[in-house]
C-alpha atoms as a PDB file:
ATOM      1  CA  MET A   1      -8.036   0.772 -43.617  1.00  0.00           C
ATOM      2  CA  THR A   2      -7.938  -2.967 -42.362  1.00  0.00           C
ATOM      3  CA  TRP A   3      -4.236  -3.145 -43.661  1.00  0.00           C
ATOM      4  CA  ILE A   4      -3.147  -0.314 -41.879  1.00  0.00           C
ATOM      5  CA  VAL A   5      -4.679  -1.559 -38.619  1.00  0.00           C
ATOM      6  CA  PHE A   6      -2.942  -4.847 -38.893  1.00  0.00           C
ATOM      7  CA  SER A   7       0.338  -3.151 -39.937  1.00  0.00           C
ATOM      8  CA  PHE A   8       0.139  -1.043 -36.765  1.00  0.00           C
ATOM      9  CA  ILE A   9      -0.459  -3.967 -34.492  1.00  0.00           C
ATOM     10  CA  PHE A  10       2.297  -5.717 -36.093  1.00  0.00           C
ATOM     11  CA  LEU A  11       4.711  -3.137 -35.568  1.00  0.00           C
ATOM     12  CA  ILE A  12       3.687  -2.563 -31.709  1.00  0.00           C
ATOM     13  CA  GLY A  13       4.183  -6.557 -31.405  1.00  0.00           C
ATOM     14  CA  VAL A  14       7.627  -6.258 -32.940  1.00  0.00           C
ATOM     15  CA  ALA A  15       8.596  -3.319 -30.641  1.00  0.00           C
ATOM     16  CA  LEU A  16       7.188  -5.216 -27.538  1.00  0.00           C
ATOM     17  CA  LEU A  17       9.546  -8.233 -28.410  1.00  0.00           C
ATOM     18  CA  CYS A  18      12.380  -6.171 -29.119  1.00  0.00           C
ATOM     19  CA  TYR A  19      11.909  -4.587 -25.808  1.00  0.00           C
ATOM     20  CA  LEU A  20      11.456  -7.885 -23.765  1.00  0.00           C
ATOM     21  CA  PHE A  21      14.238  -9.748 -25.626  1.00  0.00           C
ATOM     22  CA  VAL A  22      16.864  -7.145 -26.195  1.00  0.00           C
ATOM     23  CA  PHE A  23      16.415  -4.032 -24.712  1.00  0.00           C
ATOM     24  CA  ARG A  24      15.056  -5.109 -21.303  1.00  0.00           C
ATOM     25  CA  GLY A  25      17.893  -7.315 -20.558  1.00  0.00           C
ATOM     26  CA  TRP A  26      20.373  -4.487 -21.214  1.00  0.00           C
ATOM     27  CA  MET A  27      18.250  -2.099 -18.996  1.00  0.00           C
ATOM     28  CA  LEU A  28      18.142  -4.489 -16.029  1.00  0.00           C
ATOM     29  CA  THR A  29      21.811  -5.009 -15.907  1.00  0.00           C
ATOM     30  CA  TRP A  30      23.097  -1.560 -17.268  1.00  0.00           C
ATOM     31  CA  GLY A  31      26.817  -1.134 -16.735  1.00  0.00           C
ATOM     32  CA  THR A  32      27.623  -4.545 -14.789  1.00  0.00           C
ATOM     33  CA  THR A  33      29.635  -7.541 -15.415  1.00  0.00           C
ATOM     34  CA  ALA A  34      28.676 -10.919 -15.147  1.00  0.00           C
ATOM     35  CA  ALA A  35      30.371 -11.559 -12.058  1.00  0.00           C
ATOM     36  CA  GLU A  36      28.793  -8.415 -10.456  1.00  0.00           C
ATOM     37  CA  ARG A  37      25.292  -9.688 -11.423  1.00  0.00           C
ATOM     38  CA  ARG A  38      26.175 -13.153  -9.584  1.00  0.00           C
ATOM     39  CA  GLN A  39      27.696 -11.417  -6.658  1.00  0.00           C
ATOM     40  CA  ILE A  40      26.042 -11.729  -3.405  1.00  0.00           C
ATOM     41  CA  LEU A  41      25.701  -8.278  -2.136  1.00  0.00           C
ATOM     42  CA  PRO A  42      24.475  -6.835   1.331  1.00  0.00           C
ATOM     43  CA  GLY A  43      20.740  -6.979   1.599  1.00  0.00           C
ATOM     44  CA  ASP A  44      20.218  -9.966  -0.759  1.00  0.00           C
ATOM     45  CA  ALA A  45      19.602 -12.314   2.189  1.00  0.00           C
ATOM     46  CA  PHE A  46      16.460 -10.028   3.621  1.00  0.00           C
ATOM     47  CA  LEU A  47      14.621 -11.251   0.415  1.00  0.00           C
ATOM     48  CA  PRO A  48      15.652 -14.705  -0.579  1.00  0.00           C
ATOM     49  CA  GLY A  49      12.459 -15.402  -2.628  1.00  0.00           C
ATOM     50  CA  ALA A  50      12.726 -12.259  -4.985  1.00  0.00           C
ATOM     51  CA  ARG A  51      11.350 -12.706  -8.482  1.00  0.00           C
ATOM     52  CA  SER A  52      12.780  -9.708  -9.809  1.00  0.00           C
ATOM     53  CA  VAL A  53      16.537  -8.729  -9.607  1.00  0.00           C
ATOM     54  CA  VAL A  54      18.095  -5.725 -10.998  1.00  0.00           C
ATOM     55  CA  THR A  55      21.674  -4.745 -10.858  1.00  0.00           C
ATOM     56  CA  ARG A  56      23.269  -1.550 -12.178  1.00  0.00           C
ATOM     57  CA  GLY A  57      26.911  -0.306 -12.032  1.00  0.00           C
ATOM     58  CA  ILE A  58      29.106   2.579 -12.569  1.00  0.00           C
ATOM     59  CA  THR A  59      32.788   3.449 -11.876  1.00  0.00           C
ATOM     60  CA  ILE A  60      33.515   6.625  -9.962  1.00  0.00           C
ATOM     61  CA  ASP A  61      36.775   8.557 -10.065  1.00  0.00           C
ATOM     62  CA  ALA A  62      36.770   9.056  -6.301  1.00  0.00           C
ATOM     63  CA  PRO A  63      37.393   6.780  -3.291  1.00  0.00           C
ATOM     64  CA  PRO A  64      34.652   5.297  -1.483  1.00  0.00           C
ATOM     65  CA  GLU A  65      35.069   7.791   1.475  1.00  0.00           C
ATOM     66  CA  ARG A  66      34.210  10.581  -0.939  1.00  0.00           C
ATOM     67  CA  VAL A  67      31.350   8.970  -2.518  1.00  0.00           C
ATOM     68  CA  TRP A  68      29.468   7.971   0.909  1.00  0.00           C
ATOM     69  CA  PRO A  69      28.716  11.338   1.985  1.00  0.00           C
ATOM     70  CA  TRP A  70      26.599  12.007  -1.177  1.00  0.00           C
ATOM     71  CA  LEU A  71      25.030   8.646  -0.712  1.00  0.00           C
ATOM     72  CA  ALA A  72      24.230   9.099   2.912  1.00  0.00           C
ATOM     73  CA  GLN A  73      22.187  12.217   2.570  1.00  0.00           C
ATOM     74  CA  ILE A  74      19.593  10.916  -0.290  1.00  0.00           C
ATOM     75  CA  GLY A  75      15.952  11.337   0.544  1.00  0.00           C
ATOM     76  CA  GLN A  76      13.151  13.534  -0.208  1.00  0.00           C
ATOM     77  CA  ASN A  77      13.697  15.669   2.596  1.00  0.00           C
ATOM     78  CA  LYS A  78      17.468  15.822   2.308  1.00  0.00           C
ATOM     79  CA  GLY A  79      19.742  15.828  -0.584  1.00  0.00           C
ATOM     80  CA  GLY A  80      17.131  14.423  -3.194  1.00  0.00           C
ATOM     81  CA  PHE A  81      18.145  11.612  -5.513  1.00  0.00           C
ATOM     82  CA  TYR A  82      20.400  13.578  -7.982  1.00  0.00           C
ATOM     83  CA  SER A  83      18.115  12.584 -10.652  1.00  0.00           C
ATOM     84  CA  TYR A  84      15.399  14.197 -12.909  1.00  0.00           C
ATOM     85  CA  ALA A  85      13.879  16.535  -9.970  1.00  0.00           C
ATOM     86  CA  TRP A  86      11.595  18.027 -12.345  1.00  0.00           C
ATOM     87  CA  LEU A  87      10.023  14.609 -13.369  1.00  0.00           C
ATOM     88  CA  GLU A  88       9.870  13.511  -9.637  1.00  0.00           C
ATOM     89  CA  ASN A  89       8.064  16.738  -8.639  1.00  0.00           C
ATOM     90  CA  LEU A  90       5.337  16.089 -11.235  1.00  0.00           C
ATOM     91  CA  PHE A  91       4.241  13.270  -8.825  1.00  0.00           C
ATOM     92  CA  GLY A  92       4.454  15.585  -5.878  1.00  0.00           C
ATOM     93  CA  CYS A  93       7.777  14.587  -4.554  1.00  0.00           C
ATOM     94  CA  GLU A  94       8.872  17.955  -3.811  1.00  0.00           C
ATOM     95  CA  ILE A  95      12.617  17.192  -4.149  1.00  0.00           C
ATOM     96  CA  VAL A  96      15.533  19.580  -4.356  1.00  0.00           C
ATOM     97  CA  ASN A  97      18.937  17.860  -5.403  1.00  0.00           C
ATOM     98  CA  ALA A  98      21.726  18.981  -3.191  1.00  0.00           C
ATOM     99  CA  GLN A  99      24.815  20.246  -4.832  1.00  0.00           C
ATOM    100  CA  ALA A 100      26.906  20.070  -1.663  1.00  0.00           C
ATOM    101  CA  ILE A 101      27.546  17.782   1.165  1.00  0.00           C
ATOM    102  CA  HIS A 102      25.405  18.807   4.183  1.00  0.00           C
ATOM    103  CA  PRO A 103      26.913  17.808   7.526  1.00  0.00           C
ATOM    104  CA  GLU A 104      23.502  17.829   9.248  1.00  0.00           C
ATOM    105  CA  TRP A 105      22.228  15.075   6.797  1.00  0.00           C
ATOM    106  CA  GLN A 106      25.115  12.734   7.218  1.00  0.00           C
ATOM    107  CA  ARG A 107      23.964  10.764  10.450  1.00  0.00           C
ATOM    108  CA  ILE A 108      21.913   7.716   9.119  1.00  0.00           C
ATOM    109  CA  GLU A 109      21.142   4.591  11.042  1.00  0.00           C
ATOM    110  CA  ARG A 110      19.276   1.453  10.859  1.00  0.00           C
ATOM    111  CA  GLY A 111      15.723   1.952  11.297  1.00  0.00           C
ATOM    112  CA  ASP A 112      15.694   5.579   9.675  1.00  0.00           C
ATOM    113  CA  GLN A 113      13.104   6.386   6.829  1.00  0.00           C
ATOM    114  CA  VAL A 114      14.750   7.292   3.419  1.00  0.00           C
ATOM    115  CA  ARG A 115      11.781   9.382   2.232  1.00  0.00           C
ATOM    116  CA  LEU A 116      10.668   8.830  -1.518  1.00  0.00           C
ATOM    117  CA  HIS A 117       7.687  11.274  -1.321  1.00  0.00           C
ATOM    118  CA  PRO A 118       6.499  13.399   1.392  1.00  0.00           C
ATOM    119  CA  LYS A 119       4.033  10.553   2.211  1.00  0.00           C
ATOM    120  CA  MET A 120       6.272   7.505   1.484  1.00  0.00           C
ATOM    121  CA  GLY A 121       9.542   6.278   2.659  1.00  0.00           C
ATOM    122  CA  MET A 122      11.683   2.947   2.900  1.00  0.00           C
ATOM    123  CA  PRO A 123      13.274   2.067   6.177  1.00  0.00           C
ATOM    124  CA  VAL A 124      17.087   1.628   6.459  1.00  0.00           C
ATOM    125  CA  MET A 125      18.012  -2.053   6.944  1.00  0.00           C
ATOM    126  CA  ILE A 126      21.859  -1.898   6.685  1.00  0.00           C
ATOM    127  CA  VAL A 127      24.291   0.931   7.215  1.00  0.00           C
ATOM    128  CA  ASP A 128      28.021   0.150   6.566  1.00  0.00           C
ATOM    129  CA  GLN A 129      29.610   3.435   6.319  1.00  0.00           C
ATOM    130  CA  ASN A 130      31.797   3.805   3.030  1.00  0.00           C
ATOM    131  CA  HIS A 131      30.557   0.364   1.882  1.00  0.00           C
ATOM    132  CA  ALA A 132      26.749  -0.332   1.989  1.00  0.00           C
ATOM    133  CA  LEU A 133      23.417   1.420   2.292  1.00  0.00           C
ATOM    134  CA  VAL A 134      20.286  -0.869   2.179  1.00  0.00           C
ATOM    135  CA  LEU A 135      16.714   0.276   2.025  1.00  0.00           C
ATOM    136  CA  GLY A 136      13.818  -2.363   2.427  1.00  0.00           C
ATOM    137  CA  ALA A 137      10.125  -2.642   2.883  1.00  0.00           C
ATOM    138  CA  ASN A 138       7.887  -5.415   3.574  1.00  0.00           C
ATOM    139  CA  GLY A 139       5.380  -4.060   1.057  1.00  0.00           C
ATOM    140  CA  ILE A 140       3.260  -0.929   0.630  1.00  0.00           C
ATOM    141  CA  PRO A 141      -0.214  -2.168  -0.928  1.00  0.00           C
ATOM    142  CA  GLU A 142      -1.741   1.071  -1.325  1.00  0.00           C
ATOM    143  CA  GLN A 143       1.352   2.297  -3.207  1.00  0.00           C
ATOM    144  CA  HIS A 144       1.218  -1.266  -5.349  1.00  0.00           C
ATOM    145  CA  ILE A 145       4.913  -1.639  -3.785  1.00  0.00           C
ATOM    146  CA  PRO A 146       5.549  -5.510  -3.229  1.00  0.00           C
ATOM    147  CA  PRO A 147       8.356  -6.641  -0.473  1.00  0.00           C
ATOM    148  CA  THR A 148      11.595  -4.837  -1.902  1.00  0.00           C
ATOM    149  CA  THR A 149      15.092  -4.119  -1.301  1.00  0.00           C
ATOM    150  CA  TRP A 150      17.090  -1.397  -2.782  1.00  0.00           C
ATOM    151  CA  ALA A 151      20.936  -1.820  -2.019  1.00  0.00           C
ATOM    152  CA  PHE A 152      23.569   0.908  -2.675  1.00  0.00           C
ATOM    153  CA  ILE A 153      27.150  -0.689  -2.746  1.00  0.00           C
ATOM    154  CA  LEU A 154      30.550   1.222  -2.729  1.00  0.00           C
ATOM    155  CA  GLU A 155      33.557  -1.083  -3.555  1.00  0.00           C
ATOM    156  CA  PRO A 156      37.154  -0.056  -4.169  1.00  0.00           C
ATOM    157  CA  ALA A 157      38.204   0.182  -7.781  1.00  0.00           C
ATOM    158  CA  ILE A 158      41.457   0.284  -9.508  1.00  0.00           C
ATOM    159  CA  GLY A 159      43.221   3.739  -9.178  1.00  0.00           C
ATOM    160  CA  HIS A 160      41.540   4.979  -5.942  1.00  0.00           C
ATOM    161  CA  GLY A 161      38.266   4.791  -7.460  1.00  0.00           C
ATOM    162  CA  THR A 162      34.921   3.316  -6.713  1.00  0.00           C
ATOM    163  CA  ARG A 163      32.531   0.821  -8.211  1.00  0.00           C
ATOM    164  CA  PHE A 164      29.196   1.910  -7.392  1.00  0.00           C
ATOM    165  CA  LEU A 165      26.515  -0.989  -7.760  1.00  0.00           C
ATOM    166  CA  VAL A 166      22.750  -0.540  -7.237  1.00  0.00           C
ATOM    167  CA  ARG A 167      20.756  -3.700  -6.746  1.00  0.00           C
ATOM    168  CA  TRP A 168      17.037  -3.626  -6.545  1.00  0.00           C
ATOM    169  CA  ARG A 169      15.167  -7.088  -5.511  1.00  0.00           C
ATOM    170  CA  SER A 170      11.411  -7.529  -5.289  1.00  0.00           C
ATOM    171  CA  ALA A 171       8.963 -10.195  -4.707  1.00  0.00           C
ATOM    172  CA  THR A 172       6.571  -9.243  -7.408  1.00  0.00           C
ATOM    173  CA  PRO A 173       3.750 -11.611  -7.599  1.00  0.00           C
ATOM    174  CA  LYS A 174       3.017 -13.269 -11.039  1.00  0.00           C
ATOM    175  CA  SER A 175      -0.087 -11.204 -12.434  1.00  0.00           C
ATOM    176  CA  LEU A 176      -1.313  -9.301 -15.347  1.00  0.00           C
ATOM    177  CA  TYR A 177      -0.532  -6.175 -13.504  1.00  0.00           C
ATOM    178  CA  ASP A 178       3.033  -7.433 -13.177  1.00  0.00           C
ATOM    179  CA  LEU A 179       3.344  -8.012 -16.736  1.00  0.00           C
ATOM    180  CA  VAL A 180       1.794  -4.787 -17.985  1.00  0.00           C
ATOM    181  CA  PHE A 181       2.487  -2.111 -15.452  1.00  0.00           C
ATOM    182  CA  ASN A 182       5.996  -3.326 -13.945  1.00  0.00           C
ATOM    183  CA  LYS A 183       7.757  -4.750 -17.154  1.00  0.00           C
ATOM    184  CA  TYR A 184       6.332  -2.133 -19.697  1.00  0.00           C
ATOM    185  CA  LEU A 185       5.956   0.907 -17.458  1.00  0.00           C
ATOM    186  CA  LEU A 186       7.678   0.909 -14.044  1.00  0.00           C
ATOM    187  CA  GLU A 187      10.915  -0.914 -15.026  1.00  0.00           C
ATOM    188  CA  PRO A 188      11.662   1.618 -17.864  1.00  0.00           C
ATOM    189  CA  PHE A 189      10.806   4.541 -15.557  1.00  0.00           C
ATOM    190  CA  HIS A 190      12.946   3.087 -12.866  1.00  0.00           C
ATOM    191  CA  PHE A 191      15.813   2.561 -15.043  1.00  0.00           C
ATOM    192  CA  THR A 192      15.546   6.280 -16.497  1.00  0.00           C
ATOM    193  CA  MET A 193      15.565   7.751 -12.993  1.00  0.00           C
ATOM    194  CA  GLU A 194      18.151   5.370 -11.291  1.00  0.00           C
ATOM    195  CA  ARG A 195      20.510   5.609 -14.359  1.00  0.00           C
ATOM    196  CA  LYS A 196      20.459   9.438 -13.892  1.00  0.00           C
ATOM    197  CA  MET A 197      20.917   9.096 -10.136  1.00  0.00           C
ATOM    198  CA  MET A 198      24.013   7.174 -10.507  1.00  0.00           C
ATOM    199  CA  LEU A 199      25.387   9.630 -12.996  1.00  0.00           C
ATOM    200  CA  GLY A 200      24.452  12.364 -10.862  1.00  0.00           C
ATOM    201  CA  LEU A 201      26.179  11.038  -7.750  1.00  0.00           C
ATOM    202  CA  ARG A 202      29.240  10.377  -9.611  1.00  0.00           C
ATOM    203  CA  GLN A 203      29.347  13.780 -11.057  1.00  0.00           C
ATOM    204  CA  ARG A 204      29.098  15.283  -7.878  1.00  0.00           C
ATOM    205  CA  ALA A 205      31.729  12.900  -6.182  1.00  0.00           C
ATOM    206  CA  GLU A 206      34.302  13.531  -8.894  1.00  0.00           C
ATOM    207  CA  ALA A 207      33.810  17.307  -8.961  1.00  0.00           C
ATOM    208  CA  CYS A 208      33.797  17.767  -4.835  1.00  0.00           C
ATOM    209  CA  CYS A 209      36.627  17.425  -2.570  1.00  0.00           C
ATOM    210  CA  GLY A 210      34.235  16.107  -0.131  1.00  0.00           C
ATOM    211  CA  GLU A 211      34.004  19.263   1.852  1.00  0.00           C
ATOM    212  CA  ASN A 212      30.976  21.733   2.118  1.00  0.00           C
END
């Protein structure tokens, strides 16, 4: 029995080490080049002391002006996040992902709130049409959210396409909570949802001519 217990602990330890030193790095930089990870993006200056930086990227076969309308309408009370709505709704988010561009949701300005949940949102810090949408918060203690910026960047790519970069920066304090919750639970969940969001946005932008 003791041998079984030690074997189980050993396997768990190996799995955690593989996650930390192999899978985690790929997950935090999914789809990006080394140059993109070094690139200074809109919103970076708002949180110079960020301890956690995540940059992900995907290429969309549509120009930025066709991608932007889908990005402009993200939010719990608008077009959703094009991710796993069924999973978000398990946490009471009440999200329905839009399948079309809605003109009434296209106006977005600095200071607006992009809602993540009926009771929680992130303020808009930067709006640069067809190029950048940056959200940010000084911290939401009751939700265990540290000072954070969430940047969505559209850059022209070869062949009239778009390079879609998403960067998450946070000033997470060093703590046991950070080690256990953020690294082993929140980061994998965030990766799963954000990757699906990026793929969902790409699918919509490539399939739609940009008109309702």
